[in-house]
Every structure is written in structure tokens, then in C-alpha cells.
C-alpha atoms as a PDB file:
ATOM      1  CA  MET A   1      -4.684 -33.129   2.816  1.00  0.00           C
ATOM      2  CA  ALA A   2      -5.858 -30.183   0.740  1.00  0.00           C
ATOM      3  CA  LYS A   3      -3.953 -29.110  -2.338  1.00  0.00           C
ATOM      4  CA  ARG A   4      -2.130 -25.796  -2.249  1.00  0.00           C
ATOM      5  CA  LEU A   5      -3.235 -23.080  -4.621  1.00  0.00           C
ATOM      6  CA  SER A   6      -0.888 -22.478  -7.491  1.00  0.00           C
ATOM      7  CA  LYS A   7       0.561 -19.011  -7.953  1.00  0.00           C
ATOM      8  CA  ALA A   8      -1.805 -18.370 -10.861  1.00  0.00           C
ATOM      9  CA  LEU A   9      -4.867 -18.989  -8.659  1.00  0.00           C
ATOM     10  CA  LYS A  10      -3.810 -16.770  -5.745  1.00  0.00           C
ATOM     11  CA  ASP A  11      -5.004 -13.193  -5.385  1.00  0.00           C
ATOM     12  CA  LYS A  12      -2.766 -10.739  -7.230  1.00  0.00           C
ATOM     13  CA  ARG A  13      -1.151  -7.943  -5.228  1.00  0.00           C
ATOM     14  CA  ARG A  14      -0.150  -4.370  -5.867  1.00  0.00           C
ATOM     15  CA  TRP A  15       2.475  -2.466  -3.927  1.00  0.00           C
ATOM     16  CA  VAL A  16       1.730   1.223  -3.389  1.00  0.00           C
ATOM     17  CA  GLY A  17       4.458   3.727  -2.589  1.00  0.00           C
ATOM     18  CA  LEU A  18       3.117   6.452  -0.313  1.00  0.00           C
ATOM     19  CA  ASN A  19       4.311   9.921   0.596  1.00  0.00           C
ATOM     20  CA  VAL A  20       3.374  10.458   4.252  1.00  0.00           C
ATOM     21  CA  SER A  21       3.315  13.617   6.347  1.00  0.00           C
ATOM     22  CA  ASN A  22       2.145  14.214   9.924  1.00  0.00           C
ATOM     23  CA  CYS A  23       2.864  10.660  11.110  1.00  0.00           C
ATOM     24  CA  GLU A  24       5.524  10.018  13.735  1.00  0.00           C
ATOM     25  CA  ASN A  25       5.447   6.220  13.929  1.00  0.00           C
ATOM     26  CA  ARG A  26       4.145   3.084  12.269  1.00  0.00           C
ATOM     27  CA  GLY A  27       1.181   2.639  14.618  1.00  0.00           C
ATOM     28  CA  GLU A  28      -0.085   6.152  13.971  1.00  0.00           C
ATOM     29  CA  LEU A  29       0.154   5.617  10.200  1.00  0.00           C
ATOM     30  CA  GLU A  30      -1.681   2.281  10.390  1.00  0.00           C
ATOM     31  CA  SER A  31      -4.527   3.850  12.366  1.00  0.00           C
ATOM     32  CA  LYS A  32      -4.858   6.718   9.856  1.00  0.00           C
ATOM     33  CA  ILE A  33      -4.910   4.294   6.919  1.00  0.00           C
ATOM     34  CA  SER A  34      -7.543   2.123   8.618  1.00  0.00           C
ATOM     35  CA  GLU A  35      -9.790   5.199   8.981  1.00  0.00           C
ATOM     36  CA  PHE A  36     -10.062   5.744   5.213  1.00  0.00           C
ATOM     37  CA  ALA A  37      -9.310   2.251   3.835  1.00  0.00           C
ATOM     38  CA  PRO A  38     -12.038   1.146   1.402  1.00  0.00           C
ATOM     39  CA  VAL A  39     -11.439  -2.542   2.263  1.00  0.00           C
ATOM     40  CA  GLY A  40      -9.958  -4.386   5.202  1.00  0.00           C
ATOM     41  CA  ASP A  41      -7.408  -6.457   3.273  1.00  0.00           C
ATOM     42  CA  TRP A  42      -4.194  -4.372   3.263  1.00  0.00           C
ATOM     43  CA  LYS A  43      -0.845  -4.407   5.007  1.00  0.00           C
ATOM     44  CA  LEU A  44       1.773  -1.764   5.737  1.00  0.00           C
ATOM     45  CA  TYR A  45       5.216  -3.100   4.863  1.00  0.00           C
ATOM     46  CA  ASP A  46       7.790  -0.318   5.105  1.00  0.00           C
ATOM     47  CA  PHE A  47       7.680   3.089   6.787  1.00  0.00           C
ATOM     48  CA  SER A  48      10.622   5.463   7.081  1.00  0.00           C
ATOM     49  CA  ASN A  49      11.494   9.099   6.400  1.00  0.00           C
ATOM     50  CA  GLY A  50       8.040  10.098   5.172  1.00  0.00           C
ATOM     51  CA  SER A  51       7.714   7.176   2.754  1.00  0.00           C
ATOM     52  CA  ALA A  52       5.731   3.975   3.142  1.00  0.00           C
ATOM     53  CA  ILE A  53       4.840   0.867   1.164  1.00  0.00           C
ATOM     54  CA  LEU A  54       1.343  -0.565   1.332  1.00  0.00           C
ATOM     55  CA  ARG A  55       0.263  -3.973  -0.006  1.00  0.00           C
ATOM     56  CA  ILE A  56      -3.227  -4.117  -1.511  1.00  0.00           C
ATOM     57  CA  LEU A  57      -5.071  -6.613  -3.687  1.00  0.00           C
ATOM     58  CA  LEU A  58      -5.338  -6.028  -7.430  1.00  0.00           C
ATOM     59  CA  LYS A  59      -9.125  -6.334  -7.326  1.00  0.00           C
ATOM     60  CA  ASP A  60      -9.271  -3.374  -4.886  1.00  0.00           C
ATOM     61  CA  GLU A  61      -6.841  -1.160  -6.815  1.00  0.00           C
ATOM     62  CA  LYS A  62      -9.490   1.153  -8.291  1.00  0.00           C
ATOM     63  CA  ALA A  63     -11.018   1.921  -4.876  1.00  0.00           C
ATOM     64  CA  TRP A  64      -7.580   2.644  -3.386  1.00  0.00           C
ATOM     65  CA  ARG A  65      -6.598   4.891  -6.322  1.00  0.00           C
ATOM     66  CA  GLU A  66      -9.665   7.079  -5.783  1.00  0.00           C
ATOM     67  CA  ILE A  67      -8.544   7.708  -2.209  1.00  0.00           C
ATOM     68  CA  LEU A  68      -4.760   7.907  -2.611  1.00  0.00           C
ATOM     69  CA  ASP A  69      -4.495   9.943  -5.827  1.00  0.00           C
ATOM     70  CA  ARG A  70      -4.931  13.271  -4.037  1.00  0.00           C
ATOM     71  CA  PRO A  71      -1.519  15.043  -3.879  1.00  0.00           C
ATOM     72  CA  ASP A  72      -2.844  17.624  -1.394  1.00  0.00           C
ATOM     73  CA  SER A  73      -3.635  14.889   1.156  1.00  0.00           C
ATOM     74  CA  ALA A  74      -1.310  14.006   4.073  1.00  0.00           C
ATOM     75  CA  ILE A  75      -1.096  10.421   2.750  1.00  0.00           C
ATOM     76  CA  HIS A  76      -0.990  10.045  -1.023  1.00  0.00           C
ATOM     77  CA  SER A  77       0.282   7.637  -3.645  1.00  0.00           C
ATOM     78  CA  VAL A  78       3.554   8.300  -5.450  1.00  0.00           C
ATOM     79  CA  THR A  79       4.029   5.013  -7.298  1.00  0.00           C
ATOM     80  CA  MET A  80       2.399   1.611  -7.757  1.00  0.00           C
ATOM     81  CA  SER A  81       3.712  -1.690  -9.080  1.00  0.00           C
ATOM     82  CA  GLY A  82       3.226  -5.432  -8.992  1.00  0.00           C
ATOM     83  CA  LYS A  83       6.770  -5.819  -7.616  1.00  0.00           C
ATOM     84  CA  ILE A  84       7.834  -4.499  -4.226  1.00  0.00           C
ATOM     85  CA  ARG A  85      11.431  -4.223  -5.423  1.00  0.00           C
ATOM     86  CA  LEU A  86      10.453  -1.602  -8.002  1.00  0.00           C
ATOM     87  CA  VAL A  87       8.499   0.446  -5.465  1.00  0.00           C
ATOM     88  CA  ARG A  88      11.439   0.353  -3.031  1.00  0.00           C
ATOM     89  CA  GLU A  89      13.791   1.551  -5.782  1.00  0.00           C
ATOM     90  CA  ARG A  90      11.475   4.393  -6.756  1.00  0.00           C
ATOM     91  CA  LEU A  91      11.143   5.538  -3.120  1.00  0.00           C
ATOM     92  CA  ASN A  92      14.855   4.993  -2.375  1.00  0.00           C
ATOM     93  CA  LEU A  93      14.098   2.646   0.548  1.00  0.00           C
END
């Protein structure tokens, strides 16, 4: 039986708080994100009232920042943290 990876050896994550406009449901938001996503390894966690939380990998953070740091875009980053709890607090989710 293979050994499990310790927490220190696993890929580090970042949680991105998004401000979303022009999306009615979760499926529509996921399809829009997949159109501009720089990598395929991401997951949408929460989506409600124009706010969403996206999980990305730390190694891909720079590529995501280039895309999401545009406040004039329909989907843009508001906050980012290594803890989902902090992002939820900042977005009031």
C-alpha cells in the first residue's frame, strides 16, 4: 500500500474571492471561467449574490492574477487568501 502524502508535500491552494456580474447560475459562471482559465486545475466553491469563491493552486496564482485583477471585467478578484474562512468573511458569505 502506498504512503499518503503529508500536508507539507501536497500542492498549496489559494482561495480567490470574486465579484461576478452577468451570471444567473453556477453553471453559467463555470463555463465563463473555463473560457479564460489559464490552467485546468481550479474549482468553484461558493456562488451567491454576485460573489463567488474559486480554488486555485499556489503555483498558478500569478497567471490567475493577470486575468482576474481587472476591475472593469464582469468577473474580477476582490480578495485572495490561503484560508477559505477568511475569504468567506471578507465577502460576507
